[in-house]
Amino acid sequence: MALPAKPLCAPNWGCSLLMTQHSNVARIAGQMAGAGRIRTRAMFGQYGVYCDDTFIGVICNDRLFVKVTKAGRTSAPDLPLEPAYDGAKPSLAIPEDRIEDGEWLSRLIRTTTDALAKPAKR
């Protein structure tokens, strides 16, 4: 007898946070590939997103959240600010239709990366 399907929950984060599907992470990362070297890292059932080794956001519940910067906010003033999970700082919540526009998404990610990137150590 098969057990009923239950949503997967991230450890210690409560059942309001579902685990992100790896196939969606790969799709979203592919859409922003024009921004630079994109890398994702699994973190508690969700994924941190890095561009050129700079942490720029998370993929949480299969949604992309990008760190807020002045430059990013200026280039996308219409995007809502939402926390990726309970207790998180508000981030730019990227709607699915904007994720599908890889050129636009890559520009936003590059702008955010440039704003967050630390100068090289000398």
C-alpha atoms as a PDB file:
ATOM      1  CA  MET A   1       0.000   0.000   0.000  1.00  0.00           C
ATOM      2  CA  ALA A   2       1.466   3.356  -1.068  1.00  0.00           C
ATOM      3  CA  LEU A   3       1.684   6.186   1.413  1.00  0.00           C
ATOM      4  CA  PRO A   4      -0.040   9.448   0.500  1.00  0.00           C
ATOM      5  CA  ALA A   5       2.284  12.048  -0.987  1.00  0.00           C
ATOM      6  CA  LYS A   6       3.410  14.680   1.497  1.00  0.00           C
ATOM      7  CA  PRO A   7       5.158  17.907   0.605  1.00  0.00           C
ATOM      8  CA  LEU A   8       8.811  17.896   1.535  1.00  0.00           C
ATOM      9  CA  CYS A   9       9.783  20.472   4.122  1.00  0.00           C
ATOM     10  CA  ALA A  10      13.179  21.952   4.730  1.00  0.00           C
ATOM     11  CA  PRO A  11      14.682  20.802   8.050  1.00  0.00           C
ATOM     12  CA  ASN A  12      13.966  23.061  11.018  1.00  0.00           C
ATOM     13  CA  TRP A  13      12.184  25.671   8.876  1.00  0.00           C
ATOM     14  CA  GLY A  14       8.604  24.472   9.242  1.00  0.00           C
ATOM     15  CA  CYS A  15       6.280  23.089   6.628  1.00  0.00           C
ATOM     16  CA  SER A  16       5.474  26.419   5.005  1.00  0.00           C
ATOM     17  CA  LEU A  17       8.809  26.146   3.207  1.00  0.00           C
ATOM     18  CA  LEU A  18       8.879  23.458   0.533  1.00  0.00           C
ATOM     19  CA  MET A  19      12.071  22.077  -0.917  1.00  0.00           C
ATOM     20  CA  THR A  20      13.070  23.603  -4.236  1.00  0.00           C
ATOM     21  CA  GLN A  21      13.228  21.229  -7.195  1.00  0.00           C
ATOM     22  CA  HIS A  22      16.708  20.879  -8.727  1.00  0.00           C
ATOM     23  CA  SER A  23      15.259  20.993 -12.253  1.00  0.00           C
ATOM     24  CA  ASN A  24      13.893  24.486 -11.543  1.00  0.00           C
ATOM     25  CA  VAL A  25      17.245  25.605 -10.124  1.00  0.00           C
ATOM     26  CA  ALA A  26      19.004  24.496 -13.313  1.00  0.00           C
ATOM     27  CA  ARG A  27      16.398  26.253 -15.480  1.00  0.00           C
ATOM     28  CA  ILE A  28      16.605  29.535 -13.537  1.00  0.00           C
ATOM     29  CA  ALA A  29      20.421  29.448 -13.452  1.00  0.00           C
ATOM     30  CA  GLY A  30      20.451  28.847 -17.208  1.00  0.00           C
ATOM     31  CA  GLN A  31      18.267  31.885 -17.801  1.00  0.00           C
ATOM     32  CA  MET A  32      20.764  34.170 -16.014  1.00  0.00           C
ATOM     33  CA  ALA A  33      23.895  32.671 -17.575  1.00  0.00           C
ATOM     34  CA  GLY A  34      24.532  35.823 -19.616  1.00  0.00           C
ATOM     35  CA  ALA A  35      25.384  37.685 -16.385  1.00  0.00           C
ATOM     36  CA  GLY A  36      28.597  35.792 -15.690  1.00  0.00           C
ATOM     37  CA  ARG A  37      29.656  32.539 -14.022  1.00  0.00           C
ATOM     38  CA  ILE A  38      26.508  31.342 -12.230  1.00  0.00           C
ATOM     39  CA  ARG A  39      26.836  28.830  -9.418  1.00  0.00           C
ATOM     40  CA  THR A  40      24.174  27.472  -7.085  1.00  0.00           C
ATOM     41  CA  ARG A  41      24.674  25.819  -3.729  1.00  0.00           C
ATOM     42  CA  ALA A  42      22.146  23.656  -1.912  1.00  0.00           C
ATOM     43  CA  MET A  43      21.275  25.091   1.496  1.00  0.00           C
ATOM     44  CA  PHE A  44      18.603  23.464   3.725  1.00  0.00           C
ATOM     45  CA  GLY A  45      16.426  22.362   0.810  1.00  0.00           C
ATOM     46  CA  GLN A  46      16.813  25.718  -0.944  1.00  0.00           C
ATOM     47  CA  TYR A  47      19.645  27.143  -3.068  1.00  0.00           C
ATOM     48  CA  GLY A  48      22.021  30.073  -2.732  1.00  0.00           C
ATOM     49  CA  VAL A  49      22.849  31.764  -6.034  1.00  0.00           C
ATOM     50  CA  TYR A  50      26.271  33.202  -6.860  1.00  0.00           C
ATOM     51  CA  CYS A  51      27.422  35.192  -9.864  1.00  0.00           C
ATOM     52  CA  ASP A  52      31.194  35.388 -10.313  1.00  0.00           C
ATOM     53  CA  ASP A  53      31.568  34.168  -6.696  1.00  0.00           C
ATOM     54  CA  THR A  54      29.353  36.951  -5.298  1.00  0.00           C
ATOM     55  CA  PHE A  55      26.264  35.827  -3.375  1.00  0.00           C
ATOM     56  CA  ILE A  56      23.339  37.529  -5.129  1.00  0.00           C
ATOM     57  CA  GLY A  57      20.223  35.745  -3.886  1.00  0.00           C
ATOM     58  CA  VAL A  58      18.344  32.521  -3.286  1.00  0.00           C
ATOM     59  CA  ILE A  59      15.980  30.173  -5.029  1.00  0.00           C
ATOM     60  CA  CYS A  60      13.396  29.303  -2.412  1.00  0.00           C
ATOM     61  CA  ASN A  61      10.124  27.427  -2.957  1.00  0.00           C
ATOM     62  CA  ASP A  62      11.049  27.357  -6.668  1.00  0.00           C
ATOM     63  CA  ARG A  63      11.084  31.191  -6.760  1.00  0.00           C
ATOM     64  CA  LEU A  64      14.035  33.509  -7.373  1.00  0.00           C
ATOM     65  CA  PHE A  65      14.808  36.219  -4.818  1.00  0.00           C
ATOM     66  CA  VAL A  66      17.624  38.678  -5.575  1.00  0.00           C
ATOM     67  CA  LYS A  67      19.408  40.826  -3.004  1.00  0.00           C
ATOM     68  CA  VAL A  68      18.296  44.446  -3.032  1.00  0.00           C
ATOM     69  CA  THR A  69      20.797  47.017  -4.242  1.00  0.00           C
ATOM     70  CA  LYS A  70      20.239  50.633  -5.236  1.00  0.00           C
ATOM     71  CA  ALA A  71      21.284  49.850  -8.815  1.00  0.00           C
ATOM     72  CA  GLY A  72      19.043  46.779  -9.007  1.00  0.00           C
ATOM     73  CA  ARG A  73      16.089  48.683  -7.593  1.00  0.00           C
ATOM     74  CA  THR A  74      16.647  51.464 -10.142  1.00  0.00           C
ATOM     75  CA  SER A  75      16.739  48.996 -13.042  1.00  0.00           C
ATOM     76  CA  ALA A  76      13.624  47.108 -11.838  1.00  0.00           C
ATOM     77  CA  PRO A  77      11.478  49.507  -9.768  1.00  0.00           C
ATOM     78  CA  ASP A  78       8.306  47.528 -10.467  1.00  0.00           C
ATOM     79  CA  LEU A  79       9.457  44.332  -8.751  1.00  0.00           C
ATOM     80  CA  PRO A  80       7.897  43.547  -5.381  1.00  0.00           C
ATOM     81  CA  LEU A  81      10.028  43.250  -2.266  1.00  0.00           C
ATOM     82  CA  GLU A  82       9.327  40.013  -0.382  1.00  0.00           C
ATOM     83  CA  PRO A  83      11.244  37.880   2.105  1.00  0.00           C
ATOM     84  CA  ALA A  84      12.306  34.521   0.661  1.00  0.00           C
ATOM     85  CA  TYR A  85      11.289  32.824   3.934  1.00  0.00           C
ATOM     86  CA  ASP A  86      10.079  33.808   7.400  1.00  0.00           C
ATOM     87  CA  GLY A  87      12.625  36.032   9.087  1.00  0.00           C
ATOM     88  CA  ALA A  88      14.557  36.869   5.898  1.00  0.00           C
ATOM     89  CA  LYS A  89      15.241  40.407   4.723  1.00  0.00           C
ATOM     90  CA  PRO A  90      13.068  41.537   1.813  1.00  0.00           C
ATOM     91  CA  SER A  91      14.506  40.733  -1.599  1.00  0.00           C
ATOM     92  CA  LEU A  92      13.487  41.441  -5.169  1.00  0.00           C
ATOM     93  CA  ALA A  93      10.926  38.719  -5.898  1.00  0.00           C
ATOM     94  CA  ILE A  94      11.369  37.854  -9.572  1.00  0.00           C
ATOM     95  CA  PRO A  95       8.112  36.803 -11.261  1.00  0.00           C
ATOM     96  CA  GLU A  96       8.130  33.802 -13.566  1.00  0.00           C
ATOM     97  CA  ASP A  97       7.546  35.860 -16.721  1.00  0.00           C
ATOM     98  CA  ARG A  98      10.675  37.926 -15.973  1.00  0.00           C
ATOM     99  CA  ILE A  99      12.708  34.746 -15.332  1.00  0.00           C
ATOM    100  CA  GLU A 100      11.724  33.551 -18.799  1.00  0.00           C
ATOM    101  CA  ASP A 101      13.277  36.716 -20.276  1.00  0.00           C
ATOM    102  CA  GLY A 102      16.896  35.590 -19.977  1.00  0.00           C
ATOM    103  CA  GLU A 103      18.333  38.787 -21.435  1.00  0.00           C
ATOM    104  CA  TRP A 104      16.485  40.984 -18.920  1.00  0.00           C
ATOM    105  CA  LEU A 105      17.302  38.646 -16.020  1.00  0.00           C
ATOM    106  CA  SER A 106      20.991  38.527 -16.943  1.00  0.00           C
ATOM    107  CA  ARG A 107      21.148  42.341 -16.958  1.00  0.00           C
ATOM    108  CA  LEU A 108      19.553  42.507 -13.486  1.00  0.00           C
ATOM    109  CA  ILE A 109      21.899  39.847 -12.104  1.00  0.00           C
ATOM    110  CA  ARG A 110      24.968  41.587 -13.599  1.00  0.00           C
ATOM    111  CA  THR A 111      23.844  44.944 -12.165  1.00  0.00           C
ATOM    112  CA  THR A 112      23.307  43.373  -8.755  1.00  0.00           C
ATOM    113  CA  THR A 113      26.622  41.514  -8.865  1.00  0.00           C
ATOM    114  CA  ASP A 114      28.524  44.670  -9.764  1.00  0.00           C
ATOM    115  CA  ALA A 115      26.857  46.549  -6.899  1.00  0.00           C
ATOM    116  CA  LEU A 116      27.661  43.796  -4.378  1.00  0.00           C
ATOM    117  CA  ALA A 117      31.105  42.743  -5.594  1.00  0.00           C
ATOM    118  CA  LYS A 118      33.969  43.560  -3.285  1.00  0.00           C
ATOM    119  CA  PRO A 119      37.075  45.169  -4.735  1.00  0.00           C
ATOM    120  CA  ALA A 120      39.978  42.793  -5.336  1.00  0.00           C
ATOM    121  CA  LYS A 121      42.445  42.488  -2.467  1.00  0.00           C
ATOM    122  CA  ARG A 122      45.860  43.968  -3.170  1.00  0.00           C
END
